[in-house]
C-alpha cells in the first residue's frame, strides 16, 4: 500500500491554517505554491507556506490523521507546528528552484 503525508500550510502572516493530505508531498506543495487550483481554499487565503508535515506508511492512516487534525482547535494545531517548527519557516523553501514556481 502506498504511503501518505498530512501537512499544514499557512499564509504570510500565519493567520490562516489549512490541513491537507497527499501521497506525493513535493508535487502537492508545488501545486499550492503555483496556484494551480485558483478556487481552492489555499489559493483564496494565500496559504502557500508549508509549516508542518508528517509521513505515514499508508494513505489510509494519513487520511485518518488529517480528519482528526481538522477537528482540532487552532491552539492545538499551533502547538503541533511549534513542536517541529518553532519559527514557522516554510519547510519547502529549499525544495524548489524559482523557475519551478513560474
N, C-alpha and C. Protein backbone atom coordinates (compact mmCIF):
# COMPACT_ATOMS: atom_id res chain seq x y z
N UNK A 1 0.85 -1.19 0.00
CA UNK A 1 0.00 0.00 0.00
C UNK A 1 0.88 1.24 0.00
N UNK A 2 0.45 2.25 -0.70
CA UNK A 2 1.20 3.48 -0.83
C UNK A 2 1.07 4.35 0.43
N UNK A 3 2.17 4.99 0.80
CA UNK A 3 2.18 5.87 1.97
C UNK A 3 1.51 7.20 1.69
N UNK A 4 1.49 8.02 2.71
CA UNK A 4 0.87 9.32 2.57
C UNK A 4 1.46 10.34 3.53
N UNK A 5 1.08 11.58 3.34
CA UNK A 5 1.53 12.69 4.16
C UNK A 5 0.34 13.53 4.60
N UNK A 6 0.42 14.02 5.82
CA UNK A 6 -0.50 15.05 6.30
C UNK A 6 0.34 16.30 6.42
N UNK A 7 -0.22 17.44 6.04
CA UNK A 7 0.56 18.68 6.06
C UNK A 7 -0.31 19.86 6.46
N UNK A 8 0.36 20.90 6.94
CA UNK A 8 -0.33 22.14 7.28
C UNK A 8 0.35 23.28 6.55
N UNK A 9 -0.45 24.07 5.86
CA UNK A 9 0.00 25.26 5.14
C UNK A 9 -0.58 26.48 5.86
N UNK A 10 0.10 27.61 5.70
CA UNK A 10 -0.40 28.86 6.24
C UNK A 10 -0.07 29.99 5.28
N UNK A 11 -0.56 31.17 5.60
CA UNK A 11 -0.28 32.34 4.77
C UNK A 11 0.91 33.12 5.33
N UNK A 12 1.22 34.22 4.70
CA UNK A 12 2.40 35.02 5.05
C UNK A 12 2.43 35.42 6.52
N UNK A 13 1.29 35.76 7.08
CA UNK A 13 1.21 36.25 8.46
C UNK A 13 0.75 35.17 9.45
N UNK A 14 0.69 33.93 9.01
CA UNK A 14 0.31 32.79 9.85
C UNK A 14 -1.08 32.93 10.48
N UNK A 15 -1.98 33.59 9.78
CA UNK A 15 -3.32 33.82 10.33
C UNK A 15 -4.34 32.77 9.89
N UNK A 16 -4.07 32.06 8.81
CA UNK A 16 -4.98 31.06 8.30
C UNK A 16 -4.23 29.74 8.18
N UNK A 17 -4.85 28.66 8.64
CA UNK A 17 -4.24 27.34 8.55
C UNK A 17 -5.06 26.43 7.65
N UNK A 18 -4.37 25.62 6.87
CA UNK A 18 -5.01 24.63 6.02
C UNK A 18 -4.35 23.28 6.27
N UNK A 19 -5.13 22.26 6.52
CA UNK A 19 -4.62 20.92 6.72
C UNK A 19 -5.00 20.07 5.51
N UNK A 20 -4.02 19.37 4.95
CA UNK A 20 -4.28 18.55 3.78
C UNK A 20 -3.61 17.19 3.88
N UNK A 21 -3.91 16.34 2.91
CA UNK A 21 -3.33 15.00 2.83
C UNK A 21 -2.98 14.72 1.38
N UNK A 22 -1.89 13.98 1.17
CA UNK A 22 -1.47 13.66 -0.19
C UNK A 22 -0.56 12.44 -0.18
N UNK A 23 -0.43 11.81 -1.32
CA UNK A 23 0.52 10.70 -1.45
C UNK A 23 1.85 11.19 -2.03
N UNK A 24 1.86 12.42 -2.56
CA UNK A 24 3.08 12.98 -3.14
C UNK A 24 3.25 14.41 -2.64
N UNK A 25 3.97 14.57 -1.55
CA UNK A 25 4.06 15.87 -0.89
C UNK A 25 4.72 16.94 -1.75
N UNK A 26 5.84 16.65 -2.36
CA UNK A 26 6.53 17.69 -3.14
C UNK A 26 5.67 18.17 -4.31
N UNK A 27 5.00 17.25 -4.97
CA UNK A 27 4.13 17.64 -6.10
C UNK A 27 2.95 18.49 -5.60
N UNK A 28 2.34 18.06 -4.50
CA UNK A 28 1.15 18.77 -3.99
C UNK A 28 1.50 20.17 -3.50
N UNK A 29 2.62 20.31 -2.79
CA UNK A 29 3.01 21.62 -2.30
C UNK A 29 3.31 22.56 -3.46
N UNK A 30 3.96 22.04 -4.50
CA UNK A 30 4.23 22.85 -5.69
C UNK A 30 2.92 23.31 -6.33
N UNK A 31 1.91 22.45 -6.36
CA UNK A 31 0.60 22.85 -6.90
C UNK A 31 0.02 24.00 -6.08
N UNK A 32 0.14 23.93 -4.76
CA UNK A 32 -0.35 25.02 -3.91
C UNK A 32 0.41 26.31 -4.22
N UNK A 33 1.73 26.23 -4.27
CA UNK A 33 2.55 27.41 -4.47
C UNK A 33 2.32 28.06 -5.83
N UNK A 34 2.05 27.25 -6.83
CA UNK A 34 1.82 27.77 -8.18
C UNK A 34 0.37 28.24 -8.38
N UNK A 35 -0.49 27.95 -7.43
CA UNK A 35 -1.89 28.36 -7.56
C UNK A 35 -2.61 27.62 -8.67
N UNK A 36 -2.33 26.34 -8.81
CA UNK A 36 -2.93 25.56 -9.90
C UNK A 36 -4.44 25.40 -9.78
N UNK A 37 -4.96 25.60 -8.58
CA UNK A 37 -6.40 25.50 -8.37
C UNK A 37 -6.90 26.82 -7.79
N UNK A 38 -7.17 27.80 -8.64
CA UNK A 38 -7.48 29.16 -8.18
C UNK A 38 -8.71 29.29 -7.29
N UNK A 39 -9.62 28.33 -7.32
CA UNK A 39 -10.81 28.38 -6.47
C UNK A 39 -10.62 27.66 -5.14
N UNK A 40 -9.42 27.11 -4.93
CA UNK A 40 -9.17 26.33 -3.72
C UNK A 40 -9.02 27.24 -2.50
N UNK A 41 -9.21 26.66 -1.33
CA UNK A 41 -9.06 27.38 -0.07
C UNK A 41 -7.66 27.98 0.05
N UNK A 42 -6.64 27.17 -0.27
CA UNK A 42 -5.27 27.66 -0.10
C UNK A 42 -4.97 28.83 -1.03
N UNK A 43 -5.54 28.83 -2.19
CA UNK A 43 -5.30 29.94 -3.11
C UNK A 43 -6.10 31.19 -2.70
N UNK A 44 -7.31 31.00 -2.26
CA UNK A 44 -8.13 32.14 -1.85
C UNK A 44 -7.53 32.85 -0.64
N UNK A 45 -6.92 32.07 0.28
CA UNK A 45 -6.36 32.65 1.50
C UNK A 45 -4.83 32.72 1.47
N UNK A 46 -4.26 32.50 0.28
CA UNK A 46 -2.81 32.60 0.05
C UNK A 46 -1.99 31.76 1.02
N UNK A 47 -2.45 30.55 1.27
CA UNK A 47 -1.73 29.61 2.14
C UNK A 47 -0.71 28.85 1.29
N UNK A 48 0.46 29.44 1.14
CA UNK A 48 1.49 28.87 0.28
C UNK A 48 2.75 28.51 1.06
N UNK A 49 2.68 28.51 2.37
CA UNK A 49 3.85 28.24 3.22
C UNK A 49 3.62 26.93 3.98
N UNK A 50 4.47 25.95 3.73
CA UNK A 50 4.38 24.66 4.42
C UNK A 50 5.06 24.78 5.79
N UNK A 51 4.29 24.60 6.85
CA UNK A 51 4.85 24.76 8.19
C UNK A 51 4.92 23.47 9.00
N UNK A 52 4.27 22.41 8.54
CA UNK A 52 4.32 21.13 9.24
C UNK A 52 3.91 20.02 8.29
N UNK A 53 4.55 18.87 8.44
CA UNK A 53 4.11 17.67 7.72
C UNK A 53 4.59 16.44 8.46
N UNK A 54 3.92 15.33 8.17
CA UNK A 54 4.29 14.07 8.79
C UNK A 54 3.98 12.96 7.79
N UNK A 55 4.88 11.99 7.71
CA UNK A 55 4.71 10.86 6.79
C UNK A 55 4.04 9.69 7.50
N UNK A 56 3.26 8.95 6.73
CA UNK A 56 2.57 7.76 7.24
C UNK A 56 2.81 6.61 6.27
N UNK A 57 2.78 5.39 6.80
CA UNK A 57 3.07 4.23 5.97
C UNK A 57 1.95 3.89 4.99
N UNK A 58 0.74 4.36 5.29
CA UNK A 58 -0.37 4.14 4.36
C UNK A 58 -1.18 5.43 4.19
N UNK A 59 -1.77 5.56 3.03
CA UNK A 59 -2.59 6.75 2.76
C UNK A 59 -3.82 6.75 3.65
N UNK A 60 -4.33 5.57 3.98
CA UNK A 60 -5.49 5.46 4.87
C UNK A 60 -5.16 6.03 6.25
N UNK A 61 -4.00 5.70 6.74
CA UNK A 61 -3.54 6.22 8.03
C UNK A 61 -3.42 7.75 7.98
N UNK A 62 -2.87 8.26 6.87
CA UNK A 62 -2.72 9.70 6.69
C UNK A 62 -4.08 10.40 6.65
N UNK A 63 -5.02 9.82 5.93
CA UNK A 63 -6.37 10.41 5.84
C UNK A 63 -7.03 10.45 7.21
N UNK A 64 -6.88 9.39 7.98
CA UNK A 64 -7.45 9.36 9.34
C UNK A 64 -6.87 10.48 10.20
N UNK A 65 -5.55 10.67 10.12
CA UNK A 65 -4.90 11.73 10.91
C UNK A 65 -5.34 13.12 10.44
N UNK A 66 -5.46 13.30 9.12
CA UNK A 66 -5.92 14.59 8.59
C UNK A 66 -7.31 14.92 9.16
N UNK A 67 -8.19 13.95 9.17
CA UNK A 67 -9.55 14.16 9.68
C UNK A 67 -9.52 14.55 11.16
N UNK A 68 -8.63 13.90 11.93
CA UNK A 68 -8.51 14.24 13.36
C UNK A 68 -8.00 15.67 13.53
N UNK A 69 -6.95 16.02 12.81
CA UNK A 69 -6.36 17.36 12.95
C UNK A 69 -7.37 18.44 12.54
N UNK A 70 -8.14 18.20 11.50
CA UNK A 70 -9.12 19.19 11.06
C UNK A 70 -10.17 19.50 12.13
N UNK A 71 -10.37 18.57 13.06
CA UNK A 71 -11.34 18.79 14.14
C UNK A 71 -10.71 19.51 15.34
N UNK A 72 -9.39 19.60 15.36
CA UNK A 72 -8.69 20.21 16.50
C UNK A 72 -8.93 21.71 16.58
N UNK A 73 -8.81 22.23 17.78
CA UNK A 73 -8.81 23.68 17.99
C UNK A 73 -7.53 24.25 17.39
N UNK A 74 -7.58 25.50 17.02
CA UNK A 74 -6.42 26.15 16.41
C UNK A 74 -5.19 26.08 17.32
N UNK A 75 -5.36 26.30 18.60
CA UNK A 75 -4.22 26.31 19.52
C UNK A 75 -3.51 24.95 19.51
N UNK A 76 -4.23 23.87 19.35
CA UNK A 76 -3.60 22.54 19.29
C UNK A 76 -2.78 22.40 18.01
N UNK A 77 -3.31 22.94 16.91
CA UNK A 77 -2.57 22.91 15.65
C UNK A 77 -1.31 23.75 15.75
N UNK A 78 -1.42 24.90 16.41
CA UNK A 78 -0.25 25.76 16.60
C UNK A 78 0.81 25.05 17.44
N UNK A 79 0.39 24.33 18.48
CA UNK A 79 1.33 23.56 19.31
C UNK A 79 2.01 22.48 18.48
N UNK A 80 1.25 21.82 17.62
CA UNK A 80 1.81 20.79 16.75
C UNK A 80 2.88 21.38 15.83
N UNK A 81 2.56 22.51 15.23
CA UNK A 81 3.52 23.18 14.34
C UNK A 81 4.77 23.57 15.11
N UNK A 82 4.59 24.23 16.26
CA UNK A 82 5.73 24.68 17.05
C UNK A 82 6.61 23.54 17.55
N UNK A 83 6.03 22.35 17.74
CA UNK A 83 6.81 21.22 18.24
C UNK A 83 7.90 20.81 17.26
N UNK A 84 7.70 21.05 15.97
CA UNK A 84 8.70 20.69 14.96
C UNK A 84 9.26 21.90 14.23
N UNK A 85 8.56 23.01 14.30
CA UNK A 85 8.94 24.19 13.51
C UNK A 85 8.63 25.45 14.32
N UNK A 86 9.38 25.71 15.38
CA UNK A 86 9.06 26.83 16.28
C UNK A 86 9.08 28.21 15.62
N UNK A 87 9.83 28.36 14.55
CA UNK A 87 9.91 29.66 13.86
C UNK A 87 8.87 29.80 12.74
N UNK A 88 8.12 28.76 12.50
CA UNK A 88 7.10 28.75 11.44
C UNK A 88 7.71 29.10 10.08
N UNK A 89 8.89 28.56 9.80
CA UNK A 89 9.51 28.80 8.50
C UNK A 89 8.85 27.91 7.45
N UNK A 90 9.01 28.28 6.19
CA UNK A 90 8.49 27.47 5.09
C UNK A 90 9.42 26.27 4.92
N UNK A 91 8.95 25.10 5.30
CA UNK A 91 9.78 23.89 5.25
C UNK A 91 10.10 23.45 3.83
N UNK A 92 9.36 23.95 2.86
CA UNK A 92 9.59 23.57 1.46
C UNK A 92 10.41 24.60 0.70
N UNK A 93 10.89 25.61 1.38
CA UNK A 93 11.62 26.72 0.73
C UNK A 93 12.76 26.22 -0.15
N UNK A 94 13.49 25.23 0.30
CA UNK A 94 14.66 24.76 -0.46
C UNK A 94 14.33 23.62 -1.43
N UNK A 95 13.07 23.23 -1.50
CA UNK A 95 12.70 22.11 -2.35
C UNK A 95 12.62 22.47 -3.83
N UNK A 96 12.43 23.73 -4.12
CA UNK A 96 12.14 24.15 -5.50
C UNK A 96 13.08 25.25 -5.95
N UNK A 97 13.32 25.27 -7.23
CA UNK A 97 14.00 26.37 -7.88
C UNK A 97 12.94 27.42 -8.20
N UNK A 98 13.29 28.67 -8.19
CA UNK A 98 12.33 29.74 -8.51
C UNK A 98 11.62 29.49 -9.84
N UNK A 99 12.31 28.88 -10.77
CA UNK A 99 11.69 28.60 -12.09
C UNK A 99 10.54 27.60 -11.95
N UNK A 100 10.61 26.73 -10.94
CA UNK A 100 9.52 25.77 -10.71
C UNK A 100 8.22 26.46 -10.35
N UNK A 101 8.33 27.65 -9.79
CA UNK A 101 7.15 28.36 -9.29
C UNK A 101 6.51 29.27 -10.32
N UNK A 102 7.09 29.34 -11.51
CA UNK A 102 6.54 30.21 -12.57
C UNK A 102 5.45 29.51 -13.33
